[in-house]
Amino acid sequence: MVQLMEFSPRVAGWIGSVAAFCTTISFLPQLVRVWRLKSARDISMSMFLLYGFGLLCWLLYGVLLSSWPMIVANSVTLALALGILCLKVRYDRRDEAAECGTGDKMDA
């Protein structure tokens, strides 16, 4: 049987912090892309809603444990995910209005 290495709480804390940073910041490129392209057509609403609910649960879990790394990481990730969701709703409505011919048009 392979024996797992034992890490000190400090090393485990650093690993957890790096993991939280990477998973949190990974949403930033998607948010920037949606903002720049003004389109979120390829974003799954159901996936982001489910993911956002999961983040909310992790955030509440962190609050119950008084775990500041969990609270901070999940708060920031939830904010980024909600930003993407808001832009998706905004741009999807605009795209639907344009397809129906009810979008804002400027007469030249």
PDB file of N, CA and C in Angstrom:
ATOM      1  N   MET A   1       0.840  -1.181   0.000  1.00  0.00           N
ATOM      2  CA  MET A   1       0.000   0.000   0.000  1.00  0.00           C
ATOM      3  C   MET A   1       0.888   1.247   0.000  1.00  0.00           C
ATOM      4  N   VAL A   2       0.558   2.213  -0.774  1.00  0.00           N
ATOM      5  CA  VAL A   2       1.328   3.443  -0.839  1.00  0.00           C
ATOM      6  C   VAL A   2       0.948   4.329   0.348  1.00  0.00           C
ATOM      7  N   GLN A   3       1.961   4.768   1.067  1.00  0.00           N
ATOM      8  CA  GLN A   3       1.709   5.641   2.215  1.00  0.00           C
ATOM      9  C   GLN A   3       1.683   7.091   1.733  1.00  0.00           C
ATOM     10  N   LEU A   4       0.635   7.803   2.103  1.00  0.00           N
ATOM     11  CA  LEU A   4       0.516   9.207   1.726  1.00  0.00           C
ATOM     12  C   LEU A   4       1.424  10.046   2.610  1.00  0.00           C
ATOM     13  N   MET A   5       2.004  11.066   2.017  1.00  0.00           N
ATOM     14  CA  MET A   5       2.857  11.977   2.781  1.00  0.00           C
ATOM     15  C   MET A   5       1.996  12.779   3.737  1.00  0.00           C
ATOM     16  N   GLU A   6       2.510  13.018   4.884  1.00  0.00           N
ATOM     17  CA  GLU A   6       1.803  13.860   5.836  1.00  0.00           C
ATOM     18  C   GLU A   6       2.313  15.280   5.689  1.00  0.00           C
ATOM     19  N   PHE A   7       1.381  16.217   5.587  1.00  0.00           N
ATOM     20  CA  PHE A   7       1.722  17.615   5.456  1.00  0.00           C
ATOM     21  C   PHE A   7       1.433  18.328   6.758  1.00  0.00           C
ATOM     22  N   SER A   8       2.223  19.316   7.033  1.00  0.00           N
ATOM     23  CA  SER A   8       1.936  20.137   8.202  1.00  0.00           C
ATOM     24  C   SER A   8       0.689  20.970   7.900  1.00  0.00           C
ATOM     25  N   PRO A   9      -0.022  21.430   8.923  1.00  0.00           N
ATOM     26  CA  PRO A   9      -1.192  22.283   8.680  1.00  0.00           C
ATOM     27  C   PRO A   9      -0.839  23.526   7.865  1.00  0.00           C
ATOM     28  N   ARG A  10       0.373  24.025   8.035  1.00  0.00           N
ATOM     29  CA  ARG A  10       0.791  25.214   7.279  1.00  0.00           C
ATOM     30  C   ARG A  10       0.892  24.908   5.780  1.00  0.00           C
ATOM     31  N   VAL A  11       1.495  23.782   5.436  1.00  0.00           N
ATOM     32  CA  VAL A  11       1.616  23.388   4.022  1.00  0.00           C
ATOM     33  C   VAL A  11       0.225  23.126   3.452  1.00  0.00           C
ATOM     34  N   ALA A  12      -0.617  22.431   4.215  1.00  0.00           N
ATOM     35  CA  ALA A  12      -1.983  22.172   3.759  1.00  0.00           C
ATOM     36  C   ALA A  12      -2.736  23.483   3.546  1.00  0.00           C
ATOM     37  N   GLY A  13      -2.526  24.446   4.429  1.00  0.00           N
ATOM     38  CA  GLY A  13      -3.157  25.758   4.284  1.00  0.00           C
ATOM     39  C   GLY A  13      -2.717  26.466   3.013  1.00  0.00           C
ATOM     40  N   TRP A  14      -1.431  26.384   2.703  1.00  0.00           N
ATOM     41  CA  TRP A  14      -0.922  27.008   1.483  1.00  0.00           C
ATOM     42  C   TRP A  14      -1.501  26.326   0.245  1.00  0.00           C
ATOM     43  N   ILE A  15      -1.573  25.013   0.273  1.00  0.00           N
ATOM     44  CA  ILE A  15      -2.148  24.284  -0.860  1.00  0.00           C
ATOM     45  C   ILE A  15      -3.616  24.683  -1.041  1.00  0.00           C
ATOM     46  N   GLY A  16      -4.352  24.754   0.047  1.00  0.00           N
ATOM     47  CA  GLY A  16      -5.754  25.180  -0.026  1.00  0.00           C
ATOM     48  C   GLY A  16      -5.897  26.594  -0.536  1.00  0.00           C
ATOM     49  N   SER A  17      -5.004  27.480  -0.117  1.00  0.00           N
ATOM     50  CA  SER A  17      -5.056  28.875  -0.575  1.00  0.00           C
ATOM     51  C   SER A  17      -4.768  28.991  -2.062  1.00  0.00           C
ATOM     52  N   VAL A  18      -3.781  28.247  -2.535  1.00  0.00           N
ATOM     53  CA  VAL A  18      -3.462  28.255  -3.971  1.00  0.00           C
ATOM     54  C   VAL A  18      -4.638  27.691  -4.768  1.00  0.00           C
ATOM     55  N   ALA A  19      -5.232  26.614  -4.277  1.00  0.00           N
ATOM     56  CA  ALA A  19      -6.395  26.020  -4.953  1.00  0.00           C
ATOM     57  C   ALA A  19      -7.551  27.012  -5.000  1.00  0.00           C
ATOM     58  N   ALA A  20      -7.826  27.670  -3.882  1.00  0.00           N
ATOM     59  CA  ALA A  20      -8.923  28.649  -3.836  1.00  0.00           C
ATOM     60  C   ALA A  20      -8.650  29.805  -4.790  1.00  0.00           C
ATOM     61  N   PHE A  21      -7.415  30.298  -4.829  1.00  0.00           N
ATOM     62  CA  PHE A  21      -7.068  31.401  -5.724  1.00  0.00           C
ATOM     63  C   PHE A  21      -7.270  30.997  -7.184  1.00  0.00           C
ATOM     64  N   CYS A  22      -6.754  29.822  -7.556  1.00  0.00           N
ATOM     65  CA  CYS A  22      -6.848  29.378  -8.956  1.00  0.00           C
ATOM     66  C   CYS A  22      -8.292  29.162  -9.393  1.00  0.00           C
ATOM     67  N   THR A  23      -9.087  28.502  -8.566  1.00  0.00           N
ATOM     68  CA  THR A  23     -10.465  28.239  -8.965  1.00  0.00           C
ATOM     69  C   THR A  23     -11.303  29.515  -8.965  1.00  0.00           C
ATOM     70  N   THR A  24     -10.967  30.445  -8.098  1.00  0.00           N
ATOM     71  CA  THR A  24     -11.707  31.712  -8.056  1.00  0.00           C
ATOM     72  C   THR A  24     -11.364  32.579  -9.252  1.00  0.00           C
ATOM     73  N   ILE A  25     -10.101  32.750  -9.518  1.00  0.00           N
ATOM     74  CA  ILE A  25      -9.660  33.655 -10.581  1.00  0.00           C
ATOM     75  C   ILE A  25      -9.960  33.076 -11.969  1.00  0.00           C
ATOM     76  N   SER A  26     -10.237  31.767 -12.039  1.00  0.00           N
ATOM     77  CA  SER A  26     -10.511  31.152 -13.338  1.00  0.00           C
ATOM     78  C   SER A  26     -11.764  31.717 -14.002  1.00  0.00           C
ATOM     79  N   PHE A  27     -12.641  32.338 -13.247  1.00  0.00           N
ATOM     80  CA  PHE A  27     -13.852  32.927 -13.825  1.00  0.00           C
ATOM     81  C   PHE A  27     -13.589  34.289 -14.468  1.00  0.00           C
ATOM     82  N   LEU A  28     -12.512  34.932 -14.105  1.00  0.00           N
ATOM     83  CA  LEU A  28     -12.231  36.266 -14.623  1.00  0.00           C
ATOM     84  C   LEU A  28     -12.082  36.293 -16.148  1.00  0.00           C
ATOM     85  N   PRO A  29     -11.322  35.385 -16.769  1.00  0.00           N
ATOM     86  CA  PRO A  29     -11.232  35.424 -18.239  1.00  0.00           C
ATOM     87  C   PRO A  29     -12.591  35.260 -18.925  1.00  0.00           C
ATOM     88  N   GLN A  30     -13.467  34.419 -18.359  1.00  0.00           N
ATOM     89  CA  GLN A  30     -14.791  34.237 -18.963  1.00  0.00           C
ATOM     90  C   GLN A  30     -15.614  35.516 -18.847  1.00  0.00           C
ATOM     91  N   LEU A  31     -15.554  36.155 -17.685  1.00  0.00           N
ATOM     92  CA  LEU A  31     -16.283  37.409 -17.485  1.00  0.00           C
ATOM     93  C   LEU A  31     -15.789  38.481 -18.452  1.00  0.00           C
ATOM     94  N   VAL A  32     -14.476  38.601 -18.601  1.00  0.00           N
ATOM     95  CA  VAL A  32     -13.898  39.589 -19.521  1.00  0.00           C
ATOM     96  C   VAL A  32     -14.306  39.278 -20.958  1.00  0.00           C
ATOM     97  N   ARG A  33     -14.287  38.004 -21.321  1.00  0.00           N
ATOM     98  CA  ARG A  33     -14.666  37.616 -22.693  1.00  0.00           C
ATOM     99  C   ARG A  33     -16.121  37.969 -22.987  1.00  0.00           C
ATOM    100  N   VAL A  34     -17.014  37.653 -22.064  1.00  0.00           N
ATOM    101  CA  VAL A  34     -18.428  37.963 -22.260  1.00  0.00           C
ATOM    102  C   VAL A  34     -18.608  39.477 -22.367  1.00  0.00           C
ATOM    103  N   TRP A  35     -17.933  40.214 -21.519  1.00  0.00           N
ATOM    104  CA  TRP A  35     -18.031  41.685 -21.519  1.00  0.00           C
ATOM    105  C   TRP A  35     -17.545  42.258 -22.843  1.00  0.00           C
ATOM    106  N   ARG A  36     -16.389  41.790 -23.315  1.00  0.00           N
ATOM    107  CA  ARG A  36     -15.811  42.315 -24.567  1.00  0.00           C
ATOM    108  C   ARG A  36     -16.636  41.950 -25.791  1.00  0.00           C
ATOM    109  N   LEU A  37     -17.088  40.696 -25.855  1.00  0.00           N
ATOM    110  CA  LEU A  37     -17.841  40.252 -27.031  1.00  0.00           C
ATOM    111  C   LEU A  37     -19.301  40.703 -26.996  1.00  0.00           C
ATOM    112  N   LYS A  38     -19.742  41.128 -25.812  1.00  0.00           N
ATOM    113  CA  LYS A  38     -21.154  41.518 -25.635  1.00  0.00           C
ATOM    114  C   LYS A  38     -22.078  40.371 -26.027  1.00  0.00           C
ATOM    115  N   SER A  39     -21.628  39.160 -25.726  1.00  0.00           N
ATOM    116  CA  SER A  39     -22.409  37.969 -26.036  1.00  0.00           C
ATOM    117  C   SER A  39     -22.099  36.889 -25.012  1.00  0.00           C
ATOM    118  N   ALA A  40     -23.159  36.200 -24.592  1.00  0.00           N
ATOM    119  CA  ALA A  40     -23.011  35.062 -23.680  1.00  0.00           C
ATOM    120  C   ALA A  40     -23.808  33.883 -24.212  1.00  0.00           C
ATOM    121  N   ARG A  41     -23.954  33.856 -25.506  1.00  0.00           N
ATOM    122  CA  ARG A  41     -24.760  32.829 -26.166  1.00  0.00           C
ATOM    123  C   ARG A  41     -24.277  31.425 -25.827  1.00  0.00           C
ATOM    124  N   ASP A  42     -22.976  31.232 -25.682  1.00  0.00           N
ATOM    125  CA  ASP A  42     -22.423  29.905 -25.436  1.00  0.00           C
ATOM    126  C   ASP A  42     -22.373  29.533 -23.955  1.00  0.00           C
ATOM    127  N   ILE A  43     -22.847  30.400 -23.090  1.00  0.00           N
ATOM    128  CA  ILE A  43     -22.852  30.135 -21.652  1.00  0.00           C
ATOM    129  C   ILE A  43     -24.146  29.399 -21.298  1.00  0.00           C
ATOM    130  N   SER A  44     -24.018  28.322 -20.573  1.00  0.00           N
ATOM    131  CA  SER A  44     -25.188  27.549 -20.144  1.00  0.00           C
ATOM    132  C   SER A  44     -25.801  28.189 -18.898  1.00  0.00           C
ATOM    133  N   MET A  45     -27.022  28.658 -19.024  1.00  0.00           N
ATOM    134  CA  MET A  45     -27.718  29.276 -17.893  1.00  0.00           C
ATOM    135  C   MET A  45     -27.926  28.268 -16.769  1.00  0.00           C
ATOM    136  N   SER A  46     -28.374  27.060 -17.110  1.00  0.00           N
ATOM    137  CA  SER A  46     -28.636  26.066 -16.073  1.00  0.00           C
ATOM    138  C   SER A  46     -27.353  25.677 -15.341  1.00  0.00           C
ATOM    139  N   MET A  47     -26.240  25.569 -16.052  1.00  0.00           N
ATOM    140  CA  MET A  47     -24.972  25.230 -15.405  1.00  0.00           C
ATOM    141  C   MET A  47     -24.570  26.326 -14.428  1.00  0.00           C
ATOM    142  N   PHE A  48     -24.657  27.585 -14.859  1.00  0.00           N
ATOM    143  CA  PHE A  48     -24.245  28.681 -13.984  1.00  0.00           C
ATOM    144  C   PHE A  48     -25.194  28.860 -12.806  1.00  0.00           C
ATOM    145  N   LEU A  49     -26.484  28.611 -12.993  1.00  0.00           N
ATOM    146  CA  LEU A  49     -27.420  28.682 -11.866  1.00  0.00           C
ATOM    147  C   LEU A  49     -27.117  27.595 -10.840  1.00  0.00           C
ATOM    148  N   LEU A  50     -26.889  26.387 -11.316  1.00  0.00           N
ATOM    149  CA  LEU A  50     -26.561  25.285 -10.420  1.00  0.00           C
ATOM    150  C   LEU A  50     -25.220  25.536  -9.727  1.00  0.00           C
ATOM    151  N   TYR A  51     -24.251  26.006 -10.483  1.00  0.00           N
ATOM    152  CA  TYR A  51     -22.935  26.298  -9.919  1.00  0.00           C
ATOM    153  C   TYR A  51     -23.038  27.424  -8.877  1.00  0.00           C
ATOM    154  N   GLY A  52     -23.811  28.450  -9.191  1.00  0.00           N
ATOM    155  CA  GLY A  52     -24.003  29.552  -8.247  1.00  0.00           C
ATOM    156  C   GLY A  52     -24.658  29.092  -6.955  1.00  0.00           C
ATOM    157  N   PHE A  53     -25.632  28.184  -7.075  1.00  0.00           N
ATOM    158  CA  PHE A  53     -26.268  27.632  -5.877  1.00  0.00           C
ATOM    159  C   PHE A  53     -25.249  26.837  -5.056  1.00  0.00           C
ATOM    160  N   GLY A  54     -24.418  26.067  -5.737  1.00  0.00           N
ATOM    161  CA  GLY A  54     -23.358  25.321  -5.048  1.00  0.00           C
ATOM    162  C   GLY A  54     -22.392  26.257  -4.334  1.00  0.00           C
ATOM    163  N   LEU A  55     -22.028  27.359  -4.991  1.00  0.00           N
ATOM    164  CA  LEU A  55     -21.148  28.346  -4.363  1.00  0.00           C
ATOM    165  C   LEU A  55     -21.796  28.962  -3.134  1.00  0.00           C
ATOM    166  N   LEU A  56     -23.080  29.255  -3.237  1.00  0.00           N
ATOM    167  CA  LEU A  56     -23.800  29.800  -2.089  1.00  0.00           C
ATOM    168  C   LEU A  56     -23.776  28.815  -0.920  1.00  0.00           C
ATOM    169  N   CYS A  57     -23.967  27.542  -1.219  1.00  0.00           N
ATOM    170  CA  CYS A  57     -23.905  26.522  -0.172  1.00  0.00           C
ATOM    171  C   CYS A  57     -22.505  26.434   0.447  1.00  0.00           C
ATOM    172  N   TRP A  58     -21.463  26.480  -0.387  1.00  0.00           N
ATOM    173  CA  TRP A  58     -20.095  26.478   0.136  1.00  0.00           C
ATOM    174  C   TRP A  58     -19.835  27.712   0.984  1.00  0.00           C
ATOM    175  N   LEU A  59     -20.360  28.843   0.557  1.00  0.00           N
ATOM    176  CA  LEU A  59     -20.199  30.079   1.325  1.00  0.00           C
ATOM    177  C   LEU A  59     -20.862  29.937   2.695  1.00  0.00           C
ATOM    178  N   LEU A  60     -22.093  29.433   2.722  1.00  0.00           N
ATOM    179  CA  LEU A  60     -22.780  29.234   3.998  1.00  0.00           C
ATOM    180  C   LEU A  60     -22.044  28.224   4.871  1.00  0.00           C
ATOM    181  N   TYR A  61     -21.507  27.189   4.270  1.00  0.00           N
ATOM    182  CA  TYR A  61     -20.711  26.201   4.997  1.00  0.00           C
ATOM    183  C   TYR A  61     -19.484  26.864   5.621  1.00  0.00           C
ATOM    184  N   GLY A  62     -18.813  27.698   4.844  1.00  0.00           N
ATOM    185  CA  GLY A  62     -17.656  28.424   5.371  1.00  0.00           C
ATOM    186  C   GLY A  62     -18.029  29.342   6.517  1.00  0.00           C
ATOM    187  N   VAL A  63     -19.196  29.995   6.408  1.00  0.00           N
ATOM    188  CA  VAL A  63     -19.672  30.861   7.499  1.00  0.00           C
ATOM    189  C   VAL A  63     -19.926  30.025   8.751  1.00  0.00           C
ATOM    190  N   LEU A  64     -20.577  28.872   8.587  1.00  0.00           N
ATOM    191  CA  LEU A  64     -20.858  28.004   9.731  1.00  0.00           C
ATOM    192  C   LEU A  64     -19.580  27.507  10.404  1.00  0.00           C
ATOM    193  N   LEU A  65     -18.535  27.296   9.601  1.00  0.00           N
ATOM    194  CA  LEU A  65     -17.248  26.845  10.145  1.00  0.00           C
ATOM    195  C   LEU A  65     -16.353  28.006  10.566  1.00  0.00           C
ATOM    196  N   SER A  66     -16.779  29.235  10.288  1.00  0.00           N
ATOM    197  CA  SER A  66     -15.959  30.435  10.517  1.00  0.00           C
ATOM    198  C   SER A  66     -14.615  30.327   9.806  1.00  0.00           C
ATOM    199  N   SER A  67     -14.652  29.812   8.588  1.00  0.00           N
ATOM    200  CA  SER A  67     -13.445  29.632   7.781  1.00  0.00           C
ATOM    201  C   SER A  67     -13.293  30.795   6.815  1.00  0.00           C
ATOM    202  N   TRP A  68     -12.435  31.754   7.166  1.00  0.00           N
ATOM    203  CA  TRP A  68     -12.268  32.941   6.321  1.00  0.00           C
ATOM    204  C   TRP A  68     -11.793  32.626   4.915  1.00  0.00           C
ATOM    205  N   PRO A  69     -10.850  31.680   4.718  1.00  0.00           N
ATOM    206  CA  PRO A  69     -10.471  31.357   3.333  1.00  0.00           C
ATOM    207  C   PRO A  69     -11.664  30.868   2.509  1.00  0.00           C
ATOM    208  N   MET A  70     -12.510  30.034   3.102  1.00  0.00           N
ATOM    209  CA  MET A  70     -13.705  29.548   2.393  1.00  0.00           C
ATOM    210  C   MET A  70     -14.677  30.681   2.110  1.00  0.00           C
ATOM    211  N   ILE A  71     -14.860  31.538   3.076  1.00  0.00           N
ATOM    212  CA  ILE A  71     -15.800  32.653   2.930  1.00  0.00           C
ATOM    213  C   ILE A  71     -15.338  33.591   1.831  1.00  0.00           C
ATOM    214  N   VAL A  72     -14.074  33.979   1.867  1.00  0.00           N
ATOM    215  CA  VAL A  72     -13.547  34.936   0.886  1.00  0.00           C
ATOM    216  C   VAL A  72     -13.553  34.333  -0.518  1.00  0.00           C
ATOM    217  N   ALA A  73     -12.998  33.121  -0.655  1.00  0.00           N
ATOM    218  CA  ALA A  73     -12.904  32.497  -1.981  1.00  0.00           C
ATOM    219  C   ALA A  73     -14.289  32.293  -2.597  1.00  0.00           C
ATOM    220  N   ASN A  74     -15.225  31.792  -1.825  1.00  0.00           N
ATOM    221  CA  ASN A  74     -16.555  31.535  -2.380  1.00  0.00           C
ATOM    222  C   ASN A  74     -17.348  32.809  -2.603  1.00  0.00           C
ATOM    223  N   SER A  75     -17.113  33.845  -1.812  1.00  0.00           N
ATOM    224  CA  SER A  75     -17.771  35.135  -2.047  1.00  0.00           C
ATOM    225  C   SER A  75     -17.314  35.750  -3.362  1.00  0.00           C
ATOM    226  N   VAL A  76     -16.007  35.743  -3.585  1.00  0.00           N
ATOM    227  CA  VAL A  76     -15.465  36.322  -4.822  1.00  0.00           C
ATOM    228  C   VAL A  76     -15.916  35.503  -6.030  1.00  0.00           C
ATOM    229  N   THR A  77     -15.839  34.176  -5.930  1.00  0.00           N
ATOM    230  CA  THR A  77     -16.259  33.324  -7.040  1.00  0.00           C
ATOM    231  C   THR A  77     -17.745  33.509  -7.335  1.00  0.00           C
ATOM    232  N   LEU A  78     -18.558  33.601  -6.287  1.00  0.00           N
ATOM    233  CA  LEU A  78     -19.991  33.819  -6.466  1.00  0.00           C
ATOM    234  C   LEU A  78     -20.247  35.160  -7.149  1.00  0.00           C
ATOM    235  N   ALA A  79     -19.512  36.194  -6.756  1.00  0.00           N
ATOM    236  CA  ALA A  79     -19.676  37.512  -7.383  1.00  0.00           C
ATOM    237  C   ALA A  79     -19.323  37.450  -8.872  1.00  0.00           C
ATOM    238  N   LEU A  80     -18.237  36.762  -9.221  1.00  0.00           N
ATOM    239  CA  LEU A  80     -17.851  36.639 -10.628  1.00  0.00           C
ATOM    240  C   LEU A  80     -18.891  35.831 -11.410  1.00  0.00           C
ATOM    241  N   ALA A  81     -19.367  34.737 -10.829  1.00  0.00           N
ATOM    242  CA  ALA A  81     -20.381  33.918 -11.502  1.00  0.00           C
ATOM    243  C   ALA A  81     -21.677  34.708 -11.686  1.00  0.00           C
ATOM    244  N   LEU A  82     -22.067  35.481 -10.676  1.00  0.00           N
ATOM    245  CA  LEU A  82     -23.273  36.306 -10.806  1.00  0.00           C
ATOM    246  C   LEU A  82     -23.087  37.393 -11.861  1.00  0.00           C
ATOM    247  N   GLY A  83     -21.874  37.926 -11.963  1.00  0.00           N
ATOM    248  CA  GLY A  83     -21.585  38.904 -13.013  1.00  0.00           C
ATOM    249  C   GLY A  83     -21.778  38.304 -14.393  1.00  0.00           C
ATOM    250  N   ILE A  84     -21.291  37.091 -14.587  1.00  0.00           N
ATOM    251  CA  ILE A  84     -21.470  36.408 -15.866  1.00  0.00           C
ATOM    252  C   ILE A  84     -22.953  36.140 -16.124  1.00  0.00           C
ATOM    253  N   LEU A  85     -23.673  35.697 -15.105  1.00  0.00           N
ATOM    254  CA  LEU A  85     -25.112  35.444 -15.250  1.00  0.00           C
ATOM    255  C   LEU A  85     -25.875  36.716 -15.613  1.00  0.00           C
ATOM    256  N   CYS A  86     -25.550  37.821 -14.958  1.00  0.00           N
ATOM    257  CA  CYS A  86     -26.223  39.099 -15.263  1.00  0.00           C
ATOM    258  C   CYS A  86     -25.969  39.523 -16.701  1.00  0.00           C
ATOM    259  N   LEU A  87     -24.721  39.394 -17.139  1.00  0.00           N
ATOM    260  CA  LEU A  87     -24.405  39.747 -18.525  1.00  0.00           C
ATOM    261  C   LEU A  87     -25.107  38.802 -19.499  1.00  0.00           C
ATOM    262  N   LYS A  88     -25.198  37.528 -19.142  1.00  0.00           N
ATOM    263  CA  LYS A  88     -25.899  36.579 -20.007  1.00  0.00           C
ATOM    264  C   LYS A  88     -27.358  36.984 -20.179  1.00  0.00           C
ATOM    265  N   VAL A  89     -28.026  37.289 -19.086  1.00  0.00           N
ATOM    266  CA  VAL A  89     -29.433  37.699 -19.165  1.00  0.00           C
ATOM    267  C   VAL A  89     -29.554  38.968 -20.010  1.00  0.00           C
ATOM    268  N   ARG A  90     -28.684  39.919 -19.757  1.00  0.00           N
ATOM    269  CA  ARG A  90     -28.730  41.191 -20.486  1.00  0.00           C
ATOM    270  C   ARG A  90     -28.526  40.988 -21.985  1.00  0.00           C
ATOM    271  N   TYR A  91     -27.471  40.262 -22.349  1.00  0.00           N
ATOM    272  CA  TYR A  91     -27.150  40.091 -23.762  1.00  0.00           C
ATOM    273  C   TYR A  91     -28.122  39.149 -24.464  1.00  0.00           C
ATOM    274  N   ASP A  92     -28.606  38.122 -23.758  1.00  0.00           N
ATOM    275  CA  ASP A  92     -29.590  37.218 -24.373  1.00  0.00           C
ATOM    276  C   ASP A  92     -30.883  37.963 -24.686  1.00  0.00           C
ATOM    277  N   ARG A  93     -31.326  38.832 -23.781  1.00  0.00           N
ATOM    278  CA  ARG A  93     -32.540  39.629 -24.035  1.00  0.00           C
ATOM    279  C   ARG A  93     -32.334  40.552 -25.228  1.00  0.00           C
ATOM    280  N   ARG A  94     -31.166  41.159 -25.288  1.00  0.00           N
ATOM    281  CA  ARG A  94     -30.869  42.052 -26.407  1.00  0.00           C
ATOM    282  C   ARG A  94     -30.857  41.282 -27.724  1.00  0.00           C
ATOM    283  N   ASP A  95     -30.247  40.100 -27.719  1.00  0.00           N
ATOM    284  CA  ASP A  95     -30.178  39.285 -28.929  1.00  0.00           C
ATOM    285  C   ASP A  95     -31.567  38.816 -29.361  1.00  0.00           C
ATOM    286  N   GLU A  96     -32.403  38.426 -28.394  1.00  0.00           N
ATOM    287  CA  GLU A  96     -33.767  37.994 -28.714  1.00  0.00           C
ATOM    288  C   GLU A  96     -34.575  39.154 -29.296  1.00  0.00           C
ATOM    289  N   ALA A  97     -34.417  40.338 -28.736  1.00  0.00           N
ATOM    290  CA  ALA A  97     -35.134  41.503 -29.244  1.00  0.00           C
ATOM    291  C   ALA A  97     -34.686  41.825 -30.666  1.00  0.00           C
ATOM    292  N   ALA A  98     -33.406  41.704 -30.929  1.00  0.00           N
ATOM    293  CA  ALA A  98     -32.886  41.979 -32.272  1.00  0.00           C
ATOM    294  C   ALA A  98     -33.405  40.952 -33.271  1.00  0.00           C
ATOM    295  N   GLU A  99     -33.510  39.691 -32.844  1.00  0.00           N
ATOM    296  CA  GLU A  99     -34.005  38.648 -33.745  1.00  0.00           C
ATOM    297  C   GLU A  99     -35.483  38.845 -34.052  1.00  0.00           C
ATOM    298  N   CYS A 100     -36.226  39.411 -33.119  1.00  0.00           N
ATOM    299  CA  CYS A 100     -37.655  39.643 -33.308  1.00  0.00           C
ATOM    300  C   CYS A 100     -37.926  40.968 -34.025  1.00  0.00           C
ATOM    301  N   GLY A 101     -36.884  41.759 -34.212  1.00  0.00           N
ATOM    302  CA  GLY A 101     -37.053  43.038 -34.868  1.00  0.00           C
ATOM    303  C   GLY A 101     -37.564  44.125 -33.964  1.00  0.00           C
ATOM    304  N   THR A 102     -37.483  43.893 -32.640  1.00  0.00           N
ATOM    305  CA  THR A 102     -37.959  44.915 -31.704  1.00  0.00           C
ATOM    306  C   THR A 102     -36.820  45.633 -31.009  1.00  0.00           C
ATOM    307  N   GLY A 103     -35.601  45.364 -31.463  1.00  0.00           N
ATOM    308  CA  GLY A 103     -34.449  46.004 -30.842  1.00  0.00           C
ATOM    309  C   GLY A 103     -34.381  47.470 -31.213  1.00  0.00           C
ATOM    310  N   ASP A 104     -33.569  48.215 -30.476  1.00  0.00           N
ATOM    311  CA  ASP A 104     -33.375  49.632 -30.775  1.00  0.00           C
ATOM    312  C   ASP A 104     -32.654  49.764 -32.102  1.00  0.00           C
ATOM    313  N   LYS A 105     -33.213  50.532 -33.010  1.00  0.00           N
ATOM    314  CA  LYS A 105     -32.587  50.754 -34.306  1.00  0.00           C
ATOM    315  C   LYS A 105     -32.457  52.251 -34.513  1.00  0.00           C
ATOM    316  N   MET A 106     -31.347  52.617 -35.097  1.00  0.00           N
ATOM    317  CA  MET A 106     -31.116  54.023 -35.418  1.00  0.00           C
ATOM    318  C   MET A 106     -31.398  54.210 -36.886  1.00  0.00           C
ATOM    319  N   ASP A 107     -32.275  55.120 -37.225  1.00  0.00           N
ATOM    320  CA  ASP A 107     -32.536  55.419 -38.631  1.00  0.00           C
ATOM    321  C   ASP A 107     -31.467  56.334 -39.146  1.00  0.00           C
ATOM    322  N   ALA A 108     -30.934  56.000 -40.304  1.00  0.00           N
ATOM    323  CA  ALA A 108     -29.857  56.840 -40.858  1.00  0.00           C
ATOM    324  C   ALA A 108     -30.405  57.832 -41.839  1.00  0.00           C
TER     325      ALA A 108
END
